[in-house]
């Protein structure tokens, strides 16, 4: 009976390890993609109404 419990605990530990490992890869990837997207959006030359020379701010 002890061997069954040990195997179940080992399986549970392995599942938790690989689940956390997947999060350790996915979350930084999501953050980096969000940063890249924000830089791309800021660098776009969108037509924004701008005040030209001589006009008050």
N, C-alpha and C. Protein backbone atom coordinates (compact mmCIF):
# COMPACT_ATOMS: atom_id res chain seq x y z
N UNK A 1 0.82 -1.19 0.00
CA UNK A 1 0.00 0.00 0.00
C UNK A 1 0.86 1.26 0.00
N UNK A 2 2.02 1.19 0.64
CA UNK A 2 2.90 2.34 0.70
C UNK A 2 3.48 2.71 -0.65
N UNK A 3 3.72 1.69 -1.50
CA UNK A 3 4.28 1.95 -2.82
C UNK A 3 3.27 2.68 -3.70
N UNK A 4 1.97 2.37 -3.54
CA UNK A 4 0.94 3.05 -4.32
C UNK A 4 0.86 4.53 -3.95
N UNK A 5 0.94 4.80 -2.67
CA UNK A 5 0.89 6.19 -2.20
C UNK A 5 2.13 6.94 -2.67
N UNK A 6 3.27 6.29 -2.62
CA UNK A 6 4.51 6.94 -3.07
C UNK A 6 4.45 7.24 -4.56
N UNK A 7 3.91 6.31 -5.35
CA UNK A 7 3.78 6.55 -6.79
C UNK A 7 2.80 7.68 -7.08
N UNK A 8 1.71 7.72 -6.32
CA UNK A 8 0.72 8.78 -6.51
C UNK A 8 1.32 10.14 -6.15
N UNK A 9 2.08 10.18 -5.06
CA UNK A 9 2.73 11.43 -4.68
C UNK A 9 3.77 11.86 -5.70
N UNK A 10 4.50 10.91 -6.23
CA UNK A 10 5.49 11.23 -7.26
C UNK A 10 4.81 11.76 -8.52
N UNK A 11 3.71 11.13 -8.90
CA UNK A 11 2.95 11.60 -10.06
C UNK A 11 2.41 13.01 -9.82
N UNK A 12 1.84 13.25 -8.65
CA UNK A 12 1.32 14.58 -8.32
C UNK A 12 2.41 15.64 -8.32
N UNK A 13 3.57 15.28 -7.79
CA UNK A 13 4.70 16.22 -7.78
C UNK A 13 5.17 16.52 -9.20
N UNK A 14 5.24 15.51 -10.04
CA UNK A 14 5.66 15.71 -11.43
C UNK A 14 4.67 16.58 -12.19
N UNK A 15 3.39 16.34 -11.96
CA UNK A 15 2.36 17.15 -12.63
C UNK A 15 2.47 18.61 -12.21
N UNK A 16 2.64 18.84 -10.92
CA UNK A 16 2.77 20.21 -10.43
C UNK A 16 4.03 20.88 -10.98
N UNK A 17 5.13 20.14 -11.03
CA UNK A 17 6.38 20.69 -11.54
C UNK A 17 6.23 21.14 -12.98
N UNK A 18 5.66 20.28 -13.82
CA UNK A 18 5.54 20.63 -15.24
C UNK A 18 4.47 21.69 -15.48
N UNK A 19 3.46 21.76 -14.64
CA UNK A 19 2.47 22.83 -14.76
C UNK A 19 3.11 24.18 -14.44
N UNK A 20 3.90 24.22 -13.38
CA UNK A 20 4.58 25.46 -13.01
C UNK A 20 5.64 25.82 -14.05
N UNK A 21 6.31 24.83 -14.60
CA UNK A 21 7.31 25.07 -15.63
C UNK A 21 6.66 25.70 -16.87
N UNK A 22 5.48 25.23 -17.22
CA UNK A 22 4.77 25.82 -18.36
C UNK A 22 4.41 27.28 -18.08
N UNK A 23 4.00 27.58 -16.85
CA UNK A 23 3.70 28.97 -16.50
C UNK A 23 4.95 29.83 -16.50
N UNK A 24 6.08 29.26 -16.11
CA UNK A 24 7.33 30.01 -16.11
C UNK A 24 7.75 30.38 -17.53
N UNK A 25 7.27 29.66 -18.51
CA UNK A 25 7.58 29.99 -19.90
C UNK A 25 6.51 30.89 -20.49
N UNK A 26 5.24 30.61 -20.19
CA UNK A 26 4.12 31.32 -20.82
C UNK A 26 4.00 32.77 -20.33
N UNK A 27 4.16 33.00 -19.05
CA UNK A 27 3.95 34.35 -18.52
C UNK A 27 5.01 35.33 -19.01
N UNK A 28 6.32 34.99 -18.96
CA UNK A 28 7.29 35.93 -19.53
C UNK A 28 7.09 36.14 -21.04
N UNK A 29 6.68 35.10 -21.75
CA UNK A 29 6.41 35.26 -23.18
C UNK A 29 5.25 36.22 -23.41
N UNK A 30 4.22 36.13 -22.58
CA UNK A 30 3.09 37.03 -22.70
C UNK A 30 3.50 38.47 -22.39
N UNK A 31 4.32 38.64 -21.37
CA UNK A 31 4.80 39.98 -21.01
C UNK A 31 5.65 40.56 -22.14
N UNK A 32 6.55 39.77 -22.69
CA UNK A 32 7.40 40.26 -23.77
C UNK A 32 6.58 40.60 -25.02
N UNK A 33 5.58 39.79 -25.33
CA UNK A 33 4.72 40.09 -26.48
C UNK A 33 3.93 41.38 -26.26
N UNK A 34 3.46 41.58 -25.04
CA UNK A 34 2.72 42.81 -24.72
C UNK A 34 3.64 44.02 -24.84
N UNK A 35 4.87 43.89 -24.37
CA UNK A 35 5.82 45.01 -24.48
C UNK A 35 6.13 45.31 -25.94
N UNK A 36 6.34 44.27 -26.74
CA UNK A 36 6.64 44.47 -28.16
C UNK A 36 5.45 45.12 -28.87
N UNK A 37 4.24 44.68 -28.54
CA UNK A 37 3.05 45.26 -29.15
C UNK A 37 2.89 46.72 -28.77
N UNK A 38 3.17 47.06 -27.52
CA UNK A 38 3.03 48.45 -27.09
C UNK A 38 4.07 49.33 -27.78
N UNK A 39 5.29 48.83 -27.93
CA UNK A 39 6.32 49.60 -28.64
C UNK A 39 5.92 49.79 -30.10
N UNK A 40 5.37 48.74 -30.70
CA UNK A 40 4.94 48.83 -32.10
C UNK A 40 3.81 49.85 -32.25
N UNK A 41 2.84 49.83 -31.31
CA UNK A 41 1.73 50.77 -31.39
C UNK A 41 2.20 52.21 -31.21
N UNK A 42 3.14 52.43 -30.30
CA UNK A 42 3.65 53.78 -30.06
C UNK A 42 4.44 54.27 -31.26
N UNK A 43 5.15 53.38 -31.92
CA UNK A 43 6.00 53.80 -33.03
C UNK A 43 5.23 54.02 -34.33
N UNK A 44 3.97 53.63 -34.38
CA UNK A 44 3.17 53.88 -35.58
C UNK A 44 2.98 55.39 -35.76
N UNK A 45 2.98 55.81 -36.99
CA UNK A 45 2.79 57.24 -37.26
C UNK A 45 1.31 57.47 -37.54
N UNK A 46 0.54 57.52 -36.47
CA UNK A 46 -0.90 57.69 -36.61
C UNK A 46 -1.22 59.16 -36.85
N UNK A 47 -2.20 59.42 -37.70
CA UNK A 47 -2.59 60.82 -37.93
C UNK A 47 -3.30 61.37 -36.69
N UNK A 48 -2.62 62.22 -35.98
CA UNK A 48 -3.15 62.83 -34.77
C UNK A 48 -3.28 64.32 -35.03
N UNK A 49 -4.35 64.90 -34.55
CA UNK A 49 -4.49 66.35 -34.75
C UNK A 49 -3.43 67.06 -33.92
N UNK A 50 -2.58 67.78 -34.59
CA UNK A 50 -1.48 68.47 -33.92
C UNK A 50 -1.58 69.96 -34.21
N UNK A 51 -1.13 70.71 -33.25
CA UNK A 51 -1.09 72.16 -33.43
C UNK A 51 0.17 72.49 -34.22
N UNK A 52 -0.01 73.31 -35.25
CA UNK A 52 1.12 73.70 -36.07
C UNK A 52 1.70 75.02 -35.58
N UNK A 53 2.84 75.37 -36.11
CA UNK A 53 3.55 76.57 -35.65
C UNK A 53 2.69 77.81 -35.61
N UNK A 54 2.78 78.57 -34.52
CA UNK A 54 2.06 79.81 -34.39
C UNK A 54 0.76 79.66 -33.61
N UNK A 55 0.25 78.46 -33.48
CA UNK A 55 -0.99 78.28 -32.74
C UNK A 55 -0.70 78.05 -31.26
N UNK A 56 -1.61 78.51 -30.44
CA UNK A 56 -1.44 78.32 -29.00
C UNK A 56 -1.69 76.87 -28.64
N UNK A 57 -1.04 76.47 -27.58
CA UNK A 57 -1.17 75.06 -27.14
C UNK A 57 -2.52 74.80 -26.52
